[in-house]
Amino acid sequence: MPRIGHIILNVSDFDQSEEFYDRILLKIGFETDYREKSNDWSAKSYKLHEHNVWIKSELSQISLPFVRNVGLDHLAFFVDSADFVDEIFHDLTVMGAKITRAPRHYPEYSPQYYAIYFRDPDGIPLEVAFK
């Protein structure tokens, strides 16, 4: 059966991104299944069932700002309730994350679709939704 193997997000500051993704992904239910830091690079994998999301930083590379152009539009994570979306919104607000669209219903997607859109520390666009 075909499936997505993993998604890797390049980040500019591993420690800052690790703190951000730990607070969001671990709360959603992901677990850390791999972490490595060296003088050259750092990587961490978050796993939920057979889905893996990685963050990776290579210290020798110059990081350019994220540009929402050709490529990734956003990455969405589905949760079990609209209340959980609101909890994530609260956590993001406490962290000072950039919220691009506060939680609201999107009936044009499905009758109960409720989502928040936000950016990670590097500006990568993310969504947490209940559908």
Protein backbone atom coordinates (compact mmCIF):
# COMPACT_ATOMS: atom_id res chain seq x y z
CA MET A 1 0.00 0.00 0.00
CA PRO A 2 1.57 3.36 -1.01
CA ARG A 3 1.94 5.98 1.72
CA ILE A 4 3.96 9.06 2.58
CA GLY A 5 7.21 7.94 4.20
CA HIS A 6 8.19 11.13 6.02
CA ILE A 7 8.26 14.90 5.82
CA ILE A 8 11.47 16.77 6.69
CA LEU A 9 11.42 20.47 7.59
CA ASN A 10 14.73 22.33 7.42
CA VAL A 11 15.01 24.78 10.31
CA SER A 12 17.50 27.54 11.02
CA ASP A 13 17.72 27.18 14.82
CA PHE A 14 17.34 23.57 15.93
CA ASP A 15 16.90 24.30 19.65
CA GLN A 16 14.23 26.93 19.06
CA SER A 17 12.37 24.73 16.58
CA GLU A 18 12.67 21.67 18.79
CA GLU A 19 11.01 23.56 21.66
CA PHE A 20 8.24 24.76 19.32
CA TYR A 21 7.54 21.37 17.70
CA ASP A 22 7.78 19.54 21.04
CA ARG A 23 5.01 21.75 22.43
CA ILE A 24 2.76 21.25 19.42
CA LEU A 25 3.45 17.76 18.06
CA LEU A 26 3.88 15.98 21.40
CA LYS A 27 0.57 17.49 22.56
CA ILE A 28 -1.13 16.23 19.40
CA GLY A 29 0.11 12.71 20.15
CA PHE A 30 3.38 12.34 18.25
CA GLU A 31 6.32 10.73 20.03
CA THR A 32 10.02 11.34 19.55
CA ASP A 33 11.54 8.29 17.90
CA TYR A 34 14.95 9.68 16.88
CA ARG A 35 17.13 12.61 17.92
CA GLU A 36 20.75 13.40 17.09
CA LYS A 37 22.87 16.50 17.58
CA SER A 38 26.43 16.94 16.40
CA ASN A 39 28.76 19.81 15.59
CA ASP A 40 27.60 19.70 11.95
CA TRP A 41 23.88 18.99 12.06
CA SER A 42 20.90 18.16 14.25
CA ALA A 43 17.78 16.13 13.51
CA LYS A 44 14.70 14.93 15.33
CA SER A 45 11.85 12.70 14.22
CA TYR A 46 8.32 12.89 15.56
CA LYS A 47 6.26 9.76 14.89
CA LEU A 48 2.53 9.06 15.10
CA HIS A 49 1.52 5.60 13.91
CA GLU A 50 3.36 5.32 10.59
CA HIS A 51 3.69 9.07 10.00
CA ASN A 52 7.00 10.86 10.58
CA VAL A 53 7.68 14.58 10.66
CA TRP A 54 11.34 15.55 11.00
CA ILE A 55 13.08 18.79 11.82
CA LYS A 56 16.66 19.14 10.62
CA SER A 57 19.32 21.81 10.82
CA GLU A 58 22.71 21.82 9.11
CA LEU A 59 25.05 24.29 10.76
CA SER A 60 27.23 24.76 7.67
CA GLN A 61 24.29 26.01 5.59
CA ILE A 62 23.17 29.61 5.46
CA SER A 63 19.46 29.78 6.23
CA LEU A 64 17.32 31.96 4.01
CA PRO A 65 13.86 33.15 5.05
CA PHE A 66 10.96 30.87 4.12
CA VAL A 67 9.18 32.00 0.96
CA ARG A 68 5.67 30.73 0.33
CA ASN A 69 5.97 30.33 -3.41
CA VAL A 70 6.50 27.19 -5.46
CA GLY A 71 6.77 24.31 -3.00
CA LEU A 72 5.16 23.81 0.38
CA ASP A 73 1.93 25.74 0.90
CA HIS A 74 1.29 24.45 4.42
CA LEU A 75 1.30 21.28 6.51
CA ALA A 76 -1.94 20.33 8.29
CA PHE A 77 -2.44 18.17 11.36
CA PHE A 78 -5.90 16.82 12.19
CA VAL A 79 -7.01 16.53 15.81
CA ASP A 80 -10.06 14.99 17.51
CA SER A 81 -12.07 18.08 18.48
CA ALA A 82 -12.59 21.80 17.96
CA ASP A 83 -11.80 22.26 21.66
CA PHE A 84 -8.37 20.73 21.02
CA VAL A 85 -7.81 23.27 18.22
CA ASP A 86 -8.59 25.99 20.78
CA GLU A 87 -6.06 24.44 23.21
CA ILE A 88 -3.39 24.58 20.51
CA PHE A 89 -4.34 28.22 19.85
CA HIS A 90 -3.85 28.99 23.55
CA ASP A 91 -0.43 27.26 23.58
CA LEU A 92 0.66 29.11 20.44
CA THR A 93 -0.44 32.42 21.93
CA VAL A 94 1.56 31.74 25.11
CA MET A 95 4.61 30.88 22.97
CA GLY A 96 4.23 34.10 20.98
CA ALA A 97 3.82 32.21 17.69
CA LYS A 98 2.62 34.10 14.63
CA ILE A 99 -1.07 33.31 14.11
CA THR A 100 -2.10 33.90 10.50
CA ARG A 101 -5.76 32.87 10.94
CA ALA A 102 -7.31 32.52 14.39
CA PRO A 103 -9.49 29.47 15.02
CA ARG A 104 -12.78 29.47 13.14
CA HIS A 105 -15.14 27.25 11.20
CA TYR A 106 -14.61 26.65 7.49
CA PRO A 107 -17.94 25.22 6.27
CA GLU A 108 -16.68 25.49 2.70
CA TYR A 109 -14.26 22.62 3.51
CA SER A 110 -16.75 20.45 5.44
CA PRO A 111 -19.68 21.15 7.80
CA GLN A 112 -17.64 20.92 11.01
CA TYR A 113 -14.17 21.94 9.74
CA TYR A 114 -12.55 24.14 12.42
CA ALA A 115 -8.93 25.24 12.08
CA ILE A 116 -6.14 27.54 13.12
CA TYR A 117 -3.32 28.61 10.79
CA PHE A 118 0.05 29.72 12.12
CA ARG A 119 3.79 29.83 11.41
CA ASP A 120 6.69 28.00 13.01
CA PRO A 121 9.78 30.00 14.13
CA ASP A 122 11.12 30.02 10.54
CA GLY A 123 7.80 31.07 9.03
CA ILE A 124 6.82 27.62 7.74
CA PRO A 125 2.99 27.65 7.49
CA LEU A 126 1.12 25.10 9.58
CA GLU A 127 -2.50 24.23 10.34
CA VAL A 128 -4.22 22.32 13.13
CA ALA A 129 -7.78 21.33 12.27
CA PHE A 130 -10.77 19.30 13.31
CA LYS A 131 -12.88 18.00 10.45
